[in-house]
């Protein structure tokens, strides 16, 4: 069978035109929805801050860091919310931690994680995250295996010690940032 240039070029040009039209449509859709996506992301972040620090009625970005917000109740500082990340089994894990002005962790939220379903993703469960709701330990939280965690310790999730340690590392980074900013805003 002999190939004719016309038989090859015509379908190729049609595919190129289709690809260009689809690319232009996707680019236009991206431009049109950019503002709505940014607004939704801001709303989601605000809602997460309210869950991490429920005693606050409003939040202002701290002058101390881009991932630190000052939670206010009226004009008084109620606490701080920090967004930190650490390396986990499935990649980066992004955590939001609320700490009240008395130095107690009020909430831990997993913003992003790609750990294993049924194991590392169990870190999203309240039963794991609520372990952090205690007074900030002087040296940060420590992960222990086998249950029986005491004050300042976190029980590792069965089969997901790496994920447990990653969340704890992110929370401990938030504690370090808290120690740097408390009383300064």
C-alpha atoms as a PDB file:
ATOM      1  CA  UNK A   1       0.000   0.000   0.000  1.00  0.00           C
ATOM      2  CA  UNK A   2       1.343   3.344  -1.030  1.00  0.00           C
ATOM      3  CA  UNK A   3       0.920   6.283   1.355  1.00  0.00           C
ATOM      4  CA  UNK A   4      -0.363   9.504  -0.060  1.00  0.00           C
ATOM      5  CA  UNK A   5       0.744  12.750   1.628  1.00  0.00           C
ATOM      6  CA  UNK A   6      -2.825  14.053   1.444  1.00  0.00           C
ATOM      7  CA  UNK A   7      -4.109  11.023   3.394  1.00  0.00           C
ATOM      8  CA  UNK A   8      -1.663  11.744   6.214  1.00  0.00           C
ATOM      9  CA  UNK A   9      -1.756  15.552   6.324  1.00  0.00           C
ATOM     10  CA  UNK A  10      -5.528  16.044   6.316  1.00  0.00           C
ATOM     11  CA  UNK A  11      -6.242  14.033   9.531  1.00  0.00           C
ATOM     12  CA  UNK A  12      -3.145  15.531  11.170  1.00  0.00           C
ATOM     13  CA  UNK A  13      -4.301  19.080  10.469  1.00  0.00           C
ATOM     14  CA  UNK A  14      -7.804  18.279  11.703  1.00  0.00           C
ATOM     15  CA  UNK A  15      -6.376  16.913  14.978  1.00  0.00           C
ATOM     16  CA  UNK A  16      -4.141  19.973  15.391  1.00  0.00           C
ATOM     17  CA  UNK A  17      -7.117  22.319  14.893  1.00  0.00           C
ATOM     18  CA  UNK A  18      -9.211  20.320  17.389  1.00  0.00           C
ATOM     19  CA  UNK A  19      -6.375  20.451  19.941  1.00  0.00           C
ATOM     20  CA  UNK A  20      -5.976  24.208  19.483  1.00  0.00           C
ATOM     21  CA  UNK A  21      -9.725  24.824  19.923  1.00  0.00           C
ATOM     22  CA  UNK A  22      -9.895  22.632  23.040  1.00  0.00           C
ATOM     23  CA  UNK A  23      -6.783  24.309  24.513  1.00  0.00           C
ATOM     24  CA  UNK A  24      -8.264  27.767  23.889  1.00  0.00           C
ATOM     25  CA  UNK A  25     -11.531  26.728  25.559  1.00  0.00           C
ATOM     26  CA  UNK A  26      -9.713  25.335  28.608  1.00  0.00           C
ATOM     27  CA  UNK A  27      -7.579  28.474  28.893  1.00  0.00           C
ATOM     28  CA  UNK A  28     -10.671  30.684  28.750  1.00  0.00           C
ATOM     29  CA  UNK A  29     -12.426  28.558  31.369  1.00  0.00           C
ATOM     30  CA  UNK A  30      -9.371  28.850  33.617  1.00  0.00           C
ATOM     31  CA  UNK A  31      -9.350  32.642  33.278  1.00  0.00           C
ATOM     32  CA  UNK A  32     -13.091  32.910  33.923  1.00  0.00           C
ATOM     33  CA  UNK A  33     -13.045  30.699  37.050  1.00  0.00           C
ATOM     34  CA  UNK A  34      -9.784  31.875  38.622  1.00  0.00           C
ATOM     35  CA  UNK A  35     -11.500  34.416  40.898  1.00  0.00           C
ATOM     36  CA  UNK A  36     -14.210  32.012  42.022  1.00  0.00           C
ATOM     37  CA  UNK A  37     -11.637  29.333  42.814  1.00  0.00           C
ATOM     38  CA  UNK A  38      -9.534  31.785  44.841  1.00  0.00           C
ATOM     39  CA  UNK A  39     -12.627  32.950  46.738  1.00  0.00           C
ATOM     40  CA  UNK A  40     -13.643  29.364  47.527  1.00  0.00           C
ATOM     41  CA  UNK A  41     -10.106  28.517  48.698  1.00  0.00           C
ATOM     42  CA  UNK A  42     -10.107  31.571  50.989  1.00  0.00           C
ATOM     43  CA  UNK A  43     -13.517  30.579  52.390  1.00  0.00           C
ATOM     44  CA  UNK A  44     -12.327  27.004  53.012  1.00  0.00           C
ATOM     45  CA  UNK A  45      -9.181  28.258  54.764  1.00  0.00           C
ATOM     46  CA  UNK A  46     -11.257  30.561  56.998  1.00  0.00           C
ATOM     47  CA  UNK A  47     -13.591  27.697  57.925  1.00  0.00           C
ATOM     48  CA  UNK A  48     -10.596  25.477  58.730  1.00  0.00           C
ATOM     49  CA  UNK A  49      -9.144  28.198  60.969  1.00  0.00           C
ATOM     50  CA  UNK A  50     -12.462  28.378  62.847  1.00  0.00           C
ATOM     51  CA  UNK A  51     -12.343  24.618  63.443  1.00  0.00           C
ATOM     52  CA  UNK A  52      -8.682  24.718  64.532  1.00  0.00           C
ATOM     53  CA  UNK A  53      -9.275  27.637  66.931  1.00  0.00           C
ATOM     54  CA  UNK A  54     -12.995  27.646  67.795  1.00  0.00           C
ATOM     55  CA  UNK A  55     -12.647  30.291  70.541  1.00  0.00           C
ATOM     56  CA  UNK A  56     -11.783  32.964  67.945  1.00  0.00           C
ATOM     57  CA  UNK A  57     -14.457  34.937  66.128  1.00  0.00           C
ATOM     58  CA  UNK A  58     -12.147  36.494  63.516  1.00  0.00           C
ATOM     59  CA  UNK A  59      -8.666  36.024  62.105  1.00  0.00           C
ATOM     60  CA  UNK A  60      -5.939  38.363  60.891  1.00  0.00           C
ATOM     61  CA  UNK A  61      -2.769  37.365  59.133  1.00  0.00           C
ATOM     62  CA  UNK A  62       0.166  37.739  61.483  1.00  0.00           C
ATOM     63  CA  UNK A  63       3.042  40.016  60.636  1.00  0.00           C
ATOM     64  CA  UNK A  64       5.330  37.249  61.939  1.00  0.00           C
ATOM     65  CA  UNK A  65       4.715  34.772  59.118  1.00  0.00           C
ATOM     66  CA  UNK A  66       2.662  34.073  56.032  1.00  0.00           C
ATOM     67  CA  UNK A  67       1.243  30.836  57.434  1.00  0.00           C
ATOM     68  CA  UNK A  68       0.326  32.265  60.828  1.00  0.00           C
ATOM     69  CA  UNK A  69      -3.016  33.832  61.690  1.00  0.00           C
ATOM     70  CA  UNK A  70      -3.960  35.600  64.893  1.00  0.00           C
ATOM     71  CA  UNK A  71      -7.350  34.519  66.185  1.00  0.00           C
ATOM     72  CA  UNK A  72      -9.278  37.304  67.885  1.00  0.00           C
ATOM     73  CA  UNK A  73     -12.303  37.353  70.131  1.00  0.00           C
ATOM     74  CA  UNK A  74     -13.440  40.929  69.928  1.00  0.00           C
ATOM     75  CA  UNK A  75     -10.239  42.942  70.146  1.00  0.00           C
ATOM     76  CA  UNK A  76      -8.410  40.413  72.348  1.00  0.00           C
ATOM     77  CA  UNK A  77      -6.029  37.756  71.058  1.00  0.00           C
ATOM     78  CA  UNK A  78      -7.629  34.325  71.506  1.00  0.00           C
ATOM     79  CA  UNK A  79      -4.782  32.323  70.001  1.00  0.00           C
ATOM     80  CA  UNK A  80      -2.945  31.488  66.813  1.00  0.00           C
ATOM     81  CA  UNK A  81      -3.401  29.202  63.811  1.00  0.00           C
ATOM     82  CA  UNK A  82      -0.375  27.840  61.963  1.00  0.00           C
ATOM     83  CA  UNK A  83      -0.119  25.926  58.700  1.00  0.00           C
ATOM     84  CA  UNK A  84       2.891  23.620  58.556  1.00  0.00           C
ATOM     85  CA  UNK A  85       3.931  20.595  56.555  1.00  0.00           C
ATOM     86  CA  UNK A  86       6.091  17.513  56.888  1.00  0.00           C
ATOM     87  CA  UNK A  87       7.115  14.541  54.769  1.00  0.00           C
ATOM     88  CA  UNK A  88       4.934  11.484  55.176  1.00  0.00           C
ATOM     89  CA  UNK A  89       4.651   8.045  53.625  1.00  0.00           C
ATOM     90  CA  UNK A  90       2.620   9.258  50.623  1.00  0.00           C
ATOM     91  CA  UNK A  91       4.410  12.588  50.188  1.00  0.00           C
ATOM     92  CA  UNK A  92       3.920  15.949  51.857  1.00  0.00           C
ATOM     93  CA  UNK A  93       1.291  16.319  54.551  1.00  0.00           C
ATOM     94  CA  UNK A  94      -0.074  19.795  55.282  1.00  0.00           C
ATOM     95  CA  UNK A  95      -1.490  20.450  58.759  1.00  0.00           C
ATOM     96  CA  UNK A  96      -3.307  23.400  60.337  1.00  0.00           C
ATOM     97  CA  UNK A  97      -2.857  23.702  64.102  1.00  0.00           C
ATOM     98  CA  UNK A  98      -4.717  26.016  66.472  1.00  0.00           C
ATOM     99  CA  UNK A  99      -3.123  27.024  69.782  1.00  0.00           C
ATOM    100  CA  UNK A 100      -4.961  29.257  72.246  1.00  0.00           C
ATOM    101  CA  UNK A 101      -3.277  32.088  74.139  1.00  0.00           C
ATOM    102  CA  UNK A 102      -2.920  29.815  77.188  1.00  0.00           C
ATOM    103  CA  UNK A 103      -0.729  27.410  75.234  1.00  0.00           C
ATOM    104  CA  UNK A 104      -3.219  24.601  74.609  1.00  0.00           C
ATOM    105  CA  UNK A 105      -3.675  22.956  71.221  1.00  0.00           C
ATOM    106  CA  UNK A 106      -7.325  23.519  70.308  1.00  0.00           C
ATOM    107  CA  UNK A 107      -7.464  21.717  66.991  1.00  0.00           C
ATOM    108  CA  UNK A 108      -5.457  19.909  64.329  1.00  0.00           C
ATOM    109  CA  UNK A 109      -6.730  19.699  60.747  1.00  0.00           C
ATOM    110  CA  UNK A 110      -5.158  17.805  57.863  1.00  0.00           C
ATOM    111  CA  UNK A 111      -5.381  20.082  54.846  1.00  0.00           C
ATOM    112  CA  UNK A 112      -3.524  17.865  52.363  1.00  0.00           C
ATOM    113  CA  UNK A 113      -2.361  14.281  52.501  1.00  0.00           C
ATOM    114  CA  UNK A 114      -1.918  11.460  50.036  1.00  0.00           C
ATOM    115  CA  UNK A 115      -1.167   8.658  52.455  1.00  0.00           C
ATOM    116  CA  UNK A 116      -2.513   5.125  52.161  1.00  0.00           C
ATOM    117  CA  UNK A 117      -6.303   4.775  52.529  1.00  0.00           C
ATOM    118  CA  UNK A 118      -7.181   2.728  55.598  1.00  0.00           C
ATOM    119  CA  UNK A 119      -3.801   3.383  57.205  1.00  0.00           C
ATOM    120  CA  UNK A 120      -2.177   6.813  56.921  1.00  0.00           C
ATOM    121  CA  UNK A 121      -5.446   8.494  55.983  1.00  0.00           C
ATOM    122  CA  UNK A 122      -6.751   7.493  59.423  1.00  0.00           C
ATOM    123  CA  UNK A 123      -4.870  10.588  60.602  1.00  0.00           C
ATOM    124  CA  UNK A 124      -7.897  12.520  59.338  1.00  0.00           C
ATOM    125  CA  UNK A 125     -10.099  10.860  61.972  1.00  0.00           C
ATOM    126  CA  UNK A 126     -11.013  12.901  65.020  1.00  0.00           C
ATOM    127  CA  UNK A 127      -9.969  10.027  67.312  1.00  0.00           C
ATOM    128  CA  UNK A 128      -6.358  10.539  66.211  1.00  0.00           C
ATOM    129  CA  UNK A 129      -6.361  14.347  65.875  1.00  0.00           C
ATOM    130  CA  UNK A 130      -8.037  14.919  69.245  1.00  0.00           C
ATOM    131  CA  UNK A 131      -5.000  13.438  71.024  1.00  0.00           C
ATOM    132  CA  UNK A 132      -3.226  16.746  70.389  1.00  0.00           C
ATOM    133  CA  UNK A 133      -5.832  18.754  72.317  1.00  0.00           C
ATOM    134  CA  UNK A 134      -3.747  19.287  75.404  1.00  0.00           C
ATOM    135  CA  UNK A 135      -1.293  21.735  76.886  1.00  0.00           C
ATOM    136  CA  UNK A 136       1.722  22.291  74.640  1.00  0.00           C
ATOM    137  CA  UNK A 137       4.600  20.150  75.966  1.00  0.00           C
ATOM    138  CA  UNK A 138       7.913  21.927  76.517  1.00  0.00           C
ATOM    139  CA  UNK A 139       9.775  19.674  74.057  1.00  0.00           C
ATOM    140  CA  UNK A 140       6.858  19.101  71.696  1.00  0.00           C
ATOM    141  CA  UNK A 141       4.758  15.981  71.243  1.00  0.00           C
ATOM    142  CA  UNK A 142       6.270  12.510  71.067  1.00  0.00           C
ATOM    143  CA  UNK A 143       4.791   9.534  69.191  1.00  0.00           C
ATOM    144  CA  UNK A 144       4.587   6.254  71.132  1.00  0.00           C
ATOM    145  CA  UNK A 145       3.602   2.796  69.934  1.00  0.00           C
ATOM    146  CA  UNK A 146       1.328   0.336  71.695  1.00  0.00           C
ATOM    147  CA  UNK A 147      -1.075   2.742  73.392  1.00  0.00           C
ATOM    148  CA  UNK A 148      -0.815   4.130  76.884  1.00  0.00           C
ATOM    149  CA  UNK A 149       0.199   7.623  75.815  1.00  0.00           C
ATOM    150  CA  UNK A 150       0.771  10.010  78.680  1.00  0.00           C
ATOM    151  CA  UNK A 151       0.690  13.787  78.695  1.00  0.00           C
ATOM    152  CA  UNK A 152       2.726  15.127  75.790  1.00  0.00           C
ATOM    153  CA  UNK A 153       2.580  11.810  73.953  1.00  0.00           C
ATOM    154  CA  UNK A 154       0.535  10.690  70.953  1.00  0.00           C
ATOM    155  CA  UNK A 155      -0.485   7.078  70.269  1.00  0.00           C
ATOM    156  CA  UNK A 156       0.745   6.048  66.818  1.00  0.00           C
ATOM    157  CA  UNK A 157      -1.847   4.710  64.417  1.00  0.00           C
ATOM    158  CA  UNK A 158      -1.487   0.966  63.918  1.00  0.00           C
ATOM    159  CA  UNK A 159       0.359   0.336  60.658  1.00  0.00           C
ATOM    160  CA  UNK A 160       0.887   4.040  60.043  1.00  0.00           C
ATOM    161  CA  UNK A 161       3.713   5.123  62.325  1.00  0.00           C
ATOM    162  CA  UNK A 162       5.291   7.221  59.565  1.00  0.00           C
ATOM    163  CA  UNK A 163       2.052   9.170  59.076  1.00  0.00           C
ATOM    164  CA  UNK A 164       1.655   9.579  62.845  1.00  0.00           C
ATOM    165  CA  UNK A 165       5.176  10.958  63.102  1.00  0.00           C
ATOM    166  CA  UNK A 166       4.630  13.283  60.123  1.00  0.00           C
ATOM    167  CA  UNK A 167       1.509  14.843  61.643  1.00  0.00           C
ATOM    168  CA  UNK A 168       3.300  15.161  64.982  1.00  0.00           C
ATOM    169  CA  UNK A 169       6.310  16.791  63.302  1.00  0.00           C
ATOM    170  CA  UNK A 170       4.015  19.345  61.611  1.00  0.00           C
ATOM    171  CA  UNK A 171       2.236  20.060  64.920  1.00  0.00           C
ATOM    172  CA  UNK A 172       5.615  20.421  66.676  1.00  0.00           C
ATOM    173  CA  UNK A 173       6.687  22.942  64.006  1.00  0.00           C
ATOM    174  CA  UNK A 174       3.503  24.898  64.762  1.00  0.00           C
ATOM    175  CA  UNK A 175       4.417  24.801  68.458  1.00  0.00           C
ATOM    176  CA  UNK A 176       7.871  26.211  67.663  1.00  0.00           C
ATOM    177  CA  UNK A 177       6.275  29.009  65.643  1.00  0.00           C
ATOM    178  CA  UNK A 178       3.836  29.634  68.501  1.00  0.00           C
ATOM    179  CA  UNK A 179       6.727  30.028  70.938  1.00  0.00           C
ATOM    180  CA  UNK A 180       8.225  32.650  68.579  1.00  0.00           C
ATOM    181  CA  UNK A 181       5.068  34.704  68.027  1.00  0.00           C
ATOM    182  CA  UNK A 182       3.082  34.510  71.258  1.00  0.00           C
ATOM    183  CA  UNK A 183       2.641  37.845  72.869  1.00  0.00           C
ATOM    184  CA  UNK A 184       4.030  39.675  69.842  1.00  0.00           C
ATOM    185  CA  UNK A 185       0.776  40.430  67.977  1.00  0.00           C
END
